[in-house]
């Protein structure tokens, strides 16, 4: 049951009530501006001073915090993250042994190629036309004494030389 019905009145019209309240508020606001204007201005000035004071206090605090993070906390966090990364990194595979084997094979292969090239170079430059021996000549040709190395002397040769 409605309040208005109970006391025997009808509900006021919404449009008329809204207009009355608007005019009433406009009249009150003019008086309020005159009444609270100076105190609002004073509150604004006080708030400005307090904000400036807070900024003056907080600027060095923020600077100090930034230096702490940069010089002390940052390296600690970085070291902690690096240690964690080393701990969770999977173990390395046997690449070292494989690399050693590949290196040895490469050196052996280079030595073989170098030996082949050196043999070919000696074959091309070291022998004259008369130095080539055919296989059928090997059985019929007796070994020559002139090809004996100079450093090998027999005991008898030493005695002959001393005299």
C-alpha atoms as a PDB file:
ATOM      1  CA  UNK A   1       0.000   0.000   0.000  1.00  0.00           C
ATOM      2  CA  UNK A   2       1.326   3.392  -0.954  1.00  0.00           C
ATOM      3  CA  UNK A   3       2.114   6.202   1.470  1.00  0.00           C
ATOM      4  CA  UNK A   4      -0.079   8.649  -0.394  1.00  0.00           C
ATOM      5  CA  UNK A   5      -3.028   6.332  -0.635  1.00  0.00           C
ATOM      6  CA  UNK A   6      -2.943   5.621   3.058  1.00  0.00           C
ATOM      7  CA  UNK A   7      -3.220   9.270   4.032  1.00  0.00           C
ATOM      8  CA  UNK A   8      -5.678  10.110   1.335  1.00  0.00           C
ATOM      9  CA  UNK A   9      -3.467  12.159  -0.957  1.00  0.00           C
ATOM     10  CA  UNK A  10      -2.574  11.604  -4.537  1.00  0.00           C
ATOM     11  CA  UNK A  11       1.008  11.262  -5.743  1.00  0.00           C
ATOM     12  CA  UNK A  12       2.535  14.481  -7.108  1.00  0.00           C
ATOM     13  CA  UNK A  13       3.351  14.677 -10.733  1.00  0.00           C
ATOM     14  CA  UNK A  14       6.986  13.726 -11.465  1.00  0.00           C
ATOM     15  CA  UNK A  15       7.583  16.592 -13.902  1.00  0.00           C
ATOM     16  CA  UNK A  16       6.401  19.269 -11.527  1.00  0.00           C
ATOM     17  CA  UNK A  17       8.403  17.901  -8.638  1.00  0.00           C
ATOM     18  CA  UNK A  18      11.609  17.701 -10.672  1.00  0.00           C
ATOM     19  CA  UNK A  19      11.262  21.312 -11.785  1.00  0.00           C
ATOM     20  CA  UNK A  20      10.654  22.505  -8.256  1.00  0.00           C
ATOM     21  CA  UNK A  21      13.739  20.705  -6.984  1.00  0.00           C
ATOM     22  CA  UNK A  22      15.873  22.132  -9.775  1.00  0.00           C
ATOM     23  CA  UNK A  23      14.872  25.700  -9.021  1.00  0.00           C
ATOM     24  CA  UNK A  24      15.365  25.130  -5.319  1.00  0.00           C
ATOM     25  CA  UNK A  25      18.858  23.690  -5.911  1.00  0.00           C
ATOM     26  CA  UNK A  26      19.792  26.601  -8.155  1.00  0.00           C
ATOM     27  CA  UNK A  27      18.770  29.077  -5.472  1.00  0.00           C
ATOM     28  CA  UNK A  28      20.719  27.177  -2.818  1.00  0.00           C
ATOM     29  CA  UNK A  29      23.852  26.865  -4.944  1.00  0.00           C
ATOM     30  CA  UNK A  30      24.102  30.620  -5.352  1.00  0.00           C
ATOM     31  CA  UNK A  31      24.058  31.021  -1.615  1.00  0.00           C
ATOM     32  CA  UNK A  32      26.469  28.146  -1.099  1.00  0.00           C
ATOM     33  CA  UNK A  33      29.011  29.633  -3.473  1.00  0.00           C
ATOM     34  CA  UNK A  34      29.113  32.827  -1.476  1.00  0.00           C
ATOM     35  CA  UNK A  35      29.192  30.949   1.783  1.00  0.00           C
ATOM     36  CA  UNK A  36      31.740  28.174   1.018  1.00  0.00           C
ATOM     37  CA  UNK A  37      33.831  29.931  -1.688  1.00  0.00           C
ATOM     38  CA  UNK A  38      36.552  31.303   0.619  1.00  0.00           C
ATOM     39  CA  UNK A  39      36.953  28.034   2.513  1.00  0.00           C
ATOM     40  CA  UNK A  40      37.107  26.059  -0.761  1.00  0.00           C
ATOM     41  CA  UNK A  41      39.873  28.366  -1.981  1.00  0.00           C
ATOM     42  CA  UNK A  42      41.751  27.901   1.272  1.00  0.00           C
ATOM     43  CA  UNK A  43      41.352  24.096   1.018  1.00  0.00           C
ATOM     44  CA  UNK A  44      42.658  24.195  -2.563  1.00  0.00           C
ATOM     45  CA  UNK A  45      45.769  26.147  -1.495  1.00  0.00           C
ATOM     46  CA  UNK A  46      46.380  23.814   1.427  1.00  0.00           C
ATOM     47  CA  UNK A  47      46.008  20.738  -0.796  1.00  0.00           C
ATOM     48  CA  UNK A  48      48.505  22.233  -3.272  1.00  0.00           C
ATOM     49  CA  UNK A  49      51.027  22.803  -0.482  1.00  0.00           C
ATOM     50  CA  UNK A  50      50.585  19.275   0.855  1.00  0.00           C
ATOM     51  CA  UNK A  51      50.953  17.725  -2.598  1.00  0.00           C
ATOM     52  CA  UNK A  52      54.176  19.695  -3.148  1.00  0.00           C
ATOM     53  CA  UNK A  53      55.459  18.561   0.245  1.00  0.00           C
ATOM     54  CA  UNK A  54      54.658  14.950  -0.612  1.00  0.00           C
ATOM     55  CA  UNK A  55      56.460  15.300  -3.936  1.00  0.00           C
ATOM     56  CA  UNK A  56      59.508  16.813  -2.210  1.00  0.00           C
ATOM     57  CA  UNK A  57      59.631  13.879   0.209  1.00  0.00           C
ATOM     58  CA  UNK A  58      58.905  11.120  -2.324  1.00  0.00           C
ATOM     59  CA  UNK A  59      61.407  12.168  -5.027  1.00  0.00           C
ATOM     60  CA  UNK A  60      64.552  11.289  -2.975  1.00  0.00           C
ATOM     61  CA  UNK A  61      62.859   8.113  -1.729  1.00  0.00           C
ATOM     62  CA  UNK A  62      62.200   6.976  -5.286  1.00  0.00           C
ATOM     63  CA  UNK A  63      65.743   7.873  -6.317  1.00  0.00           C
ATOM     64  CA  UNK A  64      67.182   5.872  -3.407  1.00  0.00           C
ATOM     65  CA  UNK A  65      64.940   2.913  -4.271  1.00  0.00           C
ATOM     66  CA  UNK A  66      66.043   3.054  -7.909  1.00  0.00           C
ATOM     67  CA  UNK A  67      69.726   3.019  -6.902  1.00  0.00           C
ATOM     68  CA  UNK A  68      69.129   0.055  -4.585  1.00  0.00           C
ATOM     69  CA  UNK A  69      67.404  -1.931  -7.329  1.00  0.00           C
ATOM     70  CA  UNK A  70      70.113  -1.083  -9.847  1.00  0.00           C
ATOM     71  CA  UNK A  71      73.168  -1.703  -7.665  1.00  0.00           C
ATOM     72  CA  UNK A  72      72.124  -4.354  -5.139  1.00  0.00           C
ATOM     73  CA  UNK A  73      68.862  -6.052  -5.961  1.00  0.00           C
ATOM     74  CA  UNK A  74      69.363  -6.288  -9.726  1.00  0.00           C
ATOM     75  CA  UNK A  75      72.648  -8.225  -9.591  1.00  0.00           C
ATOM     76  CA  UNK A  76      71.221 -10.547  -6.926  1.00  0.00           C
ATOM     77  CA  UNK A  77      68.146 -11.294  -9.001  1.00  0.00           C
ATOM     78  CA  UNK A  78      70.300 -11.741 -12.084  1.00  0.00           C
ATOM     79  CA  UNK A  79      72.608 -14.185 -10.280  1.00  0.00           C
ATOM     80  CA  UNK A  80      69.622 -16.079  -8.931  1.00  0.00           C
ATOM     81  CA  UNK A  81      68.074 -16.379 -12.394  1.00  0.00           C
ATOM     82  CA  UNK A  82      71.381 -17.514 -13.915  1.00  0.00           C
ATOM     83  CA  UNK A  83      71.823 -20.161 -11.208  1.00  0.00           C
ATOM     84  CA  UNK A  84      68.286 -21.382 -11.800  1.00  0.00           C
ATOM     85  CA  UNK A  85      68.933 -21.590 -15.530  1.00  0.00           C
ATOM     86  CA  UNK A  86      72.072 -23.660 -14.939  1.00  0.00           C
ATOM     87  CA  UNK A  87      70.162 -26.013 -12.648  1.00  0.00           C
ATOM     88  CA  UNK A  88      67.298 -26.664 -15.041  1.00  0.00           C
ATOM     89  CA  UNK A  89      69.402 -26.829 -18.207  1.00  0.00           C
ATOM     90  CA  UNK A  90      69.473 -30.398 -19.569  1.00  0.00           C
ATOM     91  CA  UNK A  91      72.847 -32.155 -19.514  1.00  0.00           C
ATOM     92  CA  UNK A  92      74.989 -31.763 -22.575  1.00  0.00           C
ATOM     93  CA  UNK A  93      75.266 -34.659 -24.951  1.00  0.00           C
ATOM     94  CA  UNK A  94      78.560 -36.356 -25.832  1.00  0.00           C
ATOM     95  CA  UNK A  95      79.549 -33.665 -28.294  1.00  0.00           C
ATOM     96  CA  UNK A  96      83.025 -33.346 -26.861  1.00  0.00           C
ATOM     97  CA  UNK A  97      84.006 -36.919 -27.682  1.00  0.00           C
ATOM     98  CA  UNK A  98      82.410 -36.617 -31.110  1.00  0.00           C
ATOM     99  CA  UNK A  99      84.330 -33.414 -31.802  1.00  0.00           C
ATOM    100  CA  UNK A 100      87.609 -35.042 -30.743  1.00  0.00           C
ATOM    101  CA  UNK A 101      87.002 -38.000 -33.070  1.00  0.00           C
ATOM    102  CA  UNK A 102      86.082 -35.688 -35.947  1.00  0.00           C
ATOM    103  CA  UNK A 103      89.223 -33.615 -35.310  1.00  0.00           C
ATOM    104  CA  UNK A 104      91.476 -36.691 -35.301  1.00  0.00           C
ATOM    105  CA  UNK A 105      89.872 -37.962 -38.509  1.00  0.00           C
ATOM    106  CA  UNK A 106      90.331 -34.552 -40.118  1.00  0.00           C
ATOM    107  CA  UNK A 107      94.040 -34.480 -39.174  1.00  0.00           C
ATOM    108  CA  UNK A 108      94.557 -38.036 -40.460  1.00  0.00           C
ATOM    109  CA  UNK A 109      92.736 -37.180 -43.683  1.00  0.00           C
ATOM    110  CA  UNK A 110      94.829 -34.047 -44.188  1.00  0.00           C
ATOM    111  CA  UNK A 111      98.019 -36.037 -43.569  1.00  0.00           C
ATOM    112  CA  UNK A 112      96.927 -38.654 -46.113  1.00  0.00           C
ATOM    113  CA  UNK A 113      96.130 -36.015 -48.734  1.00  0.00           C
ATOM    114  CA  UNK A 114      99.429 -34.252 -47.998  1.00  0.00           C
ATOM    115  CA  UNK A 115     101.336 -37.533 -48.361  1.00  0.00           C
ATOM    116  CA  UNK A 116      99.630 -38.276 -51.653  1.00  0.00           C
ATOM    117  CA  UNK A 117     100.418 -34.806 -52.992  1.00  0.00           C
ATOM    118  CA  UNK A 118     104.024 -35.024 -51.812  1.00  0.00           C
ATOM    119  CA  UNK A 119     104.450 -38.436 -53.442  1.00  0.00           C
ATOM    120  CA  UNK A 120     102.992 -37.167 -56.694  1.00  0.00           C
ATOM    121  CA  UNK A 121     105.217 -34.059 -56.590  1.00  0.00           C
ATOM    122  CA  UNK A 122     108.306 -36.178 -55.958  1.00  0.00           C
ATOM    123  CA  UNK A 123     107.304 -38.506 -58.771  1.00  0.00           C
ATOM    124  CA  UNK A 124     106.953 -35.599 -61.163  1.00  0.00           C
ATOM    125  CA  UNK A 125     110.019 -33.578 -60.136  1.00  0.00           C
ATOM    126  CA  UNK A 126     112.459 -35.909 -58.441  1.00  0.00           C
ATOM    127  CA  UNK A 127     113.207 -38.512 -61.109  1.00  0.00           C
ATOM    128  CA  UNK A 128     114.905 -38.134 -64.469  1.00  0.00           C
ATOM    129  CA  UNK A 129     114.331 -40.298 -67.528  1.00  0.00           C
ATOM    130  CA  UNK A 130     117.145 -42.680 -66.679  1.00  0.00           C
ATOM    131  CA  UNK A 131     116.029 -43.174 -63.095  1.00  0.00           C
ATOM    132  CA  UNK A 132     112.822 -45.022 -63.980  1.00  0.00           C
ATOM    133  CA  UNK A 133     113.256 -48.763 -63.560  1.00  0.00           C
ATOM    134  CA  UNK A 134     110.982 -51.162 -65.361  1.00  0.00           C
ATOM    135  CA  UNK A 135     109.828 -54.289 -63.513  1.00  0.00           C
ATOM    136  CA  UNK A 136     111.676 -56.692 -65.840  1.00  0.00           C
ATOM    137  CA  UNK A 137     114.927 -54.834 -65.157  1.00  0.00           C
ATOM    138  CA  UNK A 138     114.755 -55.419 -61.410  1.00  0.00           C
ATOM    139  CA  UNK A 139     115.893 -59.068 -61.652  1.00  0.00           C
ATOM    140  CA  UNK A 140     118.721 -58.539 -64.113  1.00  0.00           C
ATOM    141  CA  UNK A 141     120.319 -55.415 -62.660  1.00  0.00           C
ATOM    142  CA  UNK A 142     122.763 -56.003 -59.809  1.00  0.00           C
ATOM    143  CA  UNK A 143     122.712 -53.424 -56.998  1.00  0.00           C
ATOM    144  CA  UNK A 144     125.163 -50.582 -57.466  1.00  0.00           C
ATOM    145  CA  UNK A 145     127.728 -49.699 -54.851  1.00  0.00           C
ATOM    146  CA  UNK A 146     127.596 -46.015 -55.645  1.00  0.00           C
ATOM    147  CA  UNK A 147     124.144 -45.679 -54.159  1.00  0.00           C
ATOM    148  CA  UNK A 148     125.427 -46.702 -50.736  1.00  0.00           C
ATOM    149  CA  UNK A 149     124.812 -43.955 -48.208  1.00  0.00           C
ATOM    150  CA  UNK A 150     127.875 -41.899 -47.311  1.00  0.00           C
ATOM    151  CA  UNK A 151     127.336 -42.148 -43.564  1.00  0.00           C
ATOM    152  CA  UNK A 152     127.612 -45.938 -43.388  1.00  0.00           C
ATOM    153  CA  UNK A 153     131.249 -46.918 -43.039  1.00  0.00           C
ATOM    154  CA  UNK A 154     132.482 -50.351 -42.224  1.00  0.00           C
ATOM    155  CA  UNK A 155     135.242 -50.990 -39.712  1.00  0.00           C
ATOM    156  CA  UNK A 156     137.765 -51.628 -42.373  1.00  0.00           C
ATOM    157  CA  UNK A 157     136.971 -48.359 -44.105  1.00  0.00           C
ATOM    158  CA  UNK A 158     137.680 -46.423 -40.922  1.00  0.00           C
ATOM    159  CA  UNK A 159     141.100 -47.963 -40.544  1.00  0.00           C
ATOM    160  CA  UNK A 160     141.992 -47.186 -44.147  1.00  0.00           C
ATOM    161  CA  UNK A 161     140.956 -43.613 -43.712  1.00  0.00           C
ATOM    162  CA  UNK A 162     143.053 -43.039 -40.589  1.00  0.00           C
ATOM    163  CA  UNK A 163     146.212 -44.129 -42.290  1.00  0.00           C
END
